[in-house]
Amino acid sequence: MTQAQAAPTTPGKARYLIHAPGGAPLTDFLALADVDPEITVVDVIGPRDSPHTAVVEISPDKARVLALHFSSASTPSQQLTIEPDQPLSMFDRAQADPI
């Protein structure tokens, strides 16, 4: 678990991953996120000059608005995707122990 995953979220907000197939669209989004008080960028993943994923803290309503906006982008290769940030685990707890 990274430090970003361990930190609690702001009440009324949740963590989401925003992913771009290339660095430019995400870089553009991050520039807009800097001036939007509804978006808190928690972490950026990827090379400094070409990040591919951002962890953001936003309200579920804002996530729906962004999802609609991303899905209506005119150029599919430039589209961003958004999904809830889920904690990672090495093993699915529901699976039986193989040993």
C-alpha atoms as a PDB file:
ATOM      1  CA  MET A   1       0.000   0.000   0.000  1.00  0.00           C
ATOM      2  CA  THR A   2       1.389   3.402  -0.951  1.00  0.00           C
ATOM      3  CA  GLN A   3       1.186   6.451   1.240  1.00  0.00           C
ATOM      4  CA  ALA A   4      -1.503   7.843  -1.095  1.00  0.00           C
ATOM      5  CA  GLN A   5      -3.622   4.709  -0.609  1.00  0.00           C
ATOM      6  CA  ALA A   6      -3.220   4.787   3.171  1.00  0.00           C
ATOM      7  CA  ALA A   7      -4.345   8.403   3.640  1.00  0.00           C
ATOM      8  CA  PRO A   8      -8.030   8.905   4.469  1.00  0.00           C
ATOM      9  CA  THR A   9     -10.233  10.676   1.946  1.00  0.00           C
ATOM     10  CA  THR A  10     -12.072  13.933   2.517  1.00  0.00           C
ATOM     11  CA  PRO A  11     -15.676  13.441   3.674  1.00  0.00           C
ATOM     12  CA  GLY A  12     -18.018  13.279   0.678  1.00  0.00           C
ATOM     13  CA  LYS A  13     -15.178  12.424  -1.675  1.00  0.00           C
ATOM     14  CA  ALA A  14     -13.604   9.225  -2.916  1.00  0.00           C
ATOM     15  CA  ARG A  15     -10.429   8.284  -4.758  1.00  0.00           C
ATOM     16  CA  TYR A  16     -10.505   7.658  -8.500  1.00  0.00           C
ATOM     17  CA  LEU A  17      -7.907   6.715 -11.087  1.00  0.00           C
ATOM     18  CA  ILE A  18      -7.775   8.749 -14.258  1.00  0.00           C
ATOM     19  CA  HIS A  19      -5.819   7.034 -17.007  1.00  0.00           C
ATOM     20  CA  ALA A  20      -4.598   8.202 -20.404  1.00  0.00           C
ATOM     21  CA  PRO A  21      -3.224   6.062 -23.232  1.00  0.00           C
ATOM     22  CA  GLY A  22      -0.591   8.776 -23.815  1.00  0.00           C
ATOM     23  CA  GLY A  23       0.904  11.500 -21.630  1.00  0.00           C
ATOM     24  CA  ALA A  24      -0.466  14.592 -23.360  1.00  0.00           C
ATOM     25  CA  PRO A  25      -4.172  14.220 -22.517  1.00  0.00           C
ATOM     26  CA  LEU A  26      -3.416  13.517 -18.864  1.00  0.00           C
ATOM     27  CA  THR A  27      -1.020  16.447 -18.717  1.00  0.00           C
ATOM     28  CA  ASP A  28      -3.789  18.677 -20.067  1.00  0.00           C
ATOM     29  CA  PHE A  29      -6.238  17.294 -17.492  1.00  0.00           C
ATOM     30  CA  LEU A  30      -3.742  17.873 -14.663  1.00  0.00           C
ATOM     31  CA  ALA A  31      -3.368  21.503 -15.716  1.00  0.00           C
ATOM     32  CA  LEU A  32      -7.141  21.934 -15.496  1.00  0.00           C
ATOM     33  CA  ALA A  33      -7.287  20.043 -12.180  1.00  0.00           C
ATOM     34  CA  ASP A  34      -4.863  22.556 -10.684  1.00  0.00           C
ATOM     35  CA  VAL A  35      -7.480  25.301 -11.026  1.00  0.00           C
ATOM     36  CA  ASP A  36     -10.586  23.228 -10.186  1.00  0.00           C
ATOM     37  CA  PRO A  37     -11.279  23.366  -6.428  1.00  0.00           C
ATOM     38  CA  GLU A  38     -13.414  20.192  -6.696  1.00  0.00           C
ATOM     39  CA  ILE A  39     -10.405  18.069  -7.739  1.00  0.00           C
ATOM     40  CA  THR A  40      -7.529  17.132  -5.459  1.00  0.00           C
ATOM     41  CA  VAL A  41      -4.652  15.363  -7.194  1.00  0.00           C
ATOM     42  CA  VAL A  42      -3.289  12.838  -4.688  1.00  0.00           C
ATOM     43  CA  ASP A  43      -0.623  11.165  -6.841  1.00  0.00           C
ATOM     44  CA  VAL A  44       0.624  11.005 -10.421  1.00  0.00           C
ATOM     45  CA  ILE A  45       1.996   7.754 -11.838  1.00  0.00           C
ATOM     46  CA  GLY A  46       4.424   7.442 -14.726  1.00  0.00           C
ATOM     47  CA  PRO A  47       7.397   9.360 -16.052  1.00  0.00           C
ATOM     48  CA  ARG A  48       7.528  12.982 -14.901  1.00  0.00           C
ATOM     49  CA  ASP A  49       7.279  14.321 -18.460  1.00  0.00           C
ATOM     50  CA  SER A  50       4.612  11.815 -19.589  1.00  0.00           C
ATOM     51  CA  PRO A  51       2.423  10.562 -16.721  1.00  0.00           C
ATOM     52  CA  HIS A  52      -0.196   7.952 -17.587  1.00  0.00           C
ATOM     53  CA  THR A  53      -2.329   7.784 -14.434  1.00  0.00           C
ATOM     54  CA  ALA A  54      -3.496  10.223 -11.776  1.00  0.00           C
ATOM     55  CA  VAL A  55      -5.054   9.417  -8.418  1.00  0.00           C
ATOM     56  CA  VAL A  56      -7.609  12.099  -7.633  1.00  0.00           C
ATOM     57  CA  GLU A  57      -9.998  12.773  -4.806  1.00  0.00           C
ATOM     58  CA  ILE A  58     -13.398  13.966  -6.016  1.00  0.00           C
ATOM     59  CA  SER A  59     -17.076  13.609  -5.225  1.00  0.00           C
ATOM     60  CA  PRO A  60     -19.038  10.800  -6.898  1.00  0.00           C
ATOM     61  CA  ASP A  61     -21.046  13.476  -8.755  1.00  0.00           C
ATOM     62  CA  LYS A  62     -17.867  15.032 -10.150  1.00  0.00           C
ATOM     63  CA  ALA A  63     -16.684  11.537 -11.171  1.00  0.00           C
ATOM     64  CA  ARG A  64     -19.912  11.015 -13.146  1.00  0.00           C
ATOM     65  CA  VAL A  65     -19.501  14.393 -14.872  1.00  0.00           C
ATOM     66  CA  LEU A  66     -15.895  13.573 -15.796  1.00  0.00           C
ATOM     67  CA  ALA A  67     -16.855  10.089 -17.033  1.00  0.00           C
ATOM     68  CA  LEU A  68     -19.498  11.616 -19.319  1.00  0.00           C
ATOM     69  CA  HIS A  69     -17.052  14.218 -20.560  1.00  0.00           C
ATOM     70  CA  PHE A  70     -14.305  11.652 -21.187  1.00  0.00           C
ATOM     71  CA  SER A  71     -16.671   9.319 -23.062  1.00  0.00           C
ATOM     72  CA  SER A  72     -17.856  12.123 -25.333  1.00  0.00           C
ATOM     73  CA  ALA A  73     -14.341  13.196 -26.401  1.00  0.00           C
ATOM     74  CA  SER A  74     -14.152  13.419 -30.179  1.00  0.00           C
ATOM     75  CA  THR A  75     -10.833  11.595 -30.607  1.00  0.00           C
ATOM     76  CA  PRO A  76     -10.874   8.070 -29.089  1.00  0.00           C
ATOM     77  CA  SER A  77      -7.071   7.906 -28.820  1.00  0.00           C
ATOM     78  CA  GLN A  78      -7.158  11.072 -26.699  1.00  0.00           C
ATOM     79  CA  GLN A  79      -9.854   9.847 -24.311  1.00  0.00           C
ATOM     80  CA  LEU A  80      -9.216   9.586 -20.636  1.00  0.00           C
ATOM     81  CA  THR A  81     -10.837   6.920 -18.491  1.00  0.00           C
ATOM     82  CA  ILE A  82     -11.942   7.136 -14.880  1.00  0.00           C
ATOM     83  CA  GLU A  83     -12.566   4.341 -12.380  1.00  0.00           C
ATOM     84  CA  PRO A  84     -12.806   4.010  -8.604  1.00  0.00           C
ATOM     85  CA  ASP A  85      -9.449   3.436  -6.909  1.00  0.00           C
ATOM     86  CA  GLN A  86      -9.512  -0.044  -5.405  1.00  0.00           C
ATOM     87  CA  PRO A  87      -7.003  -1.304  -2.835  1.00  0.00           C
ATOM     88  CA  LEU A  88      -4.625  -3.882  -4.256  1.00  0.00           C
ATOM     89  CA  SER A  89      -3.963  -7.207  -2.637  1.00  0.00           C
ATOM     90  CA  MET A  90      -1.723 -10.057  -3.621  1.00  0.00           C
ATOM     91  CA  PHE A  91      -4.379 -12.691  -3.051  1.00  0.00           C
ATOM     92  CA  ASP A  92      -8.131 -12.703  -3.287  1.00  0.00           C
ATOM     93  CA  ARG A  93      -9.319 -13.370   0.260  1.00  0.00           C
ATOM     94  CA  ALA A  94     -12.198 -15.500  -1.062  1.00  0.00           C
ATOM     95  CA  GLN A  95      -9.842 -18.068  -2.625  1.00  0.00           C
ATOM     96  CA  ALA A  96      -8.940 -21.177  -0.691  1.00  0.00           C
ATOM     97  CA  ASP A  97      -5.385 -21.582   0.527  1.00  0.00           C
ATOM     98  CA  PRO A  98      -3.543 -23.636  -2.156  1.00  0.00           C
ATOM     99  CA  ILE A  99      -1.277 -25.288   0.428  1.00  0.00           C
END
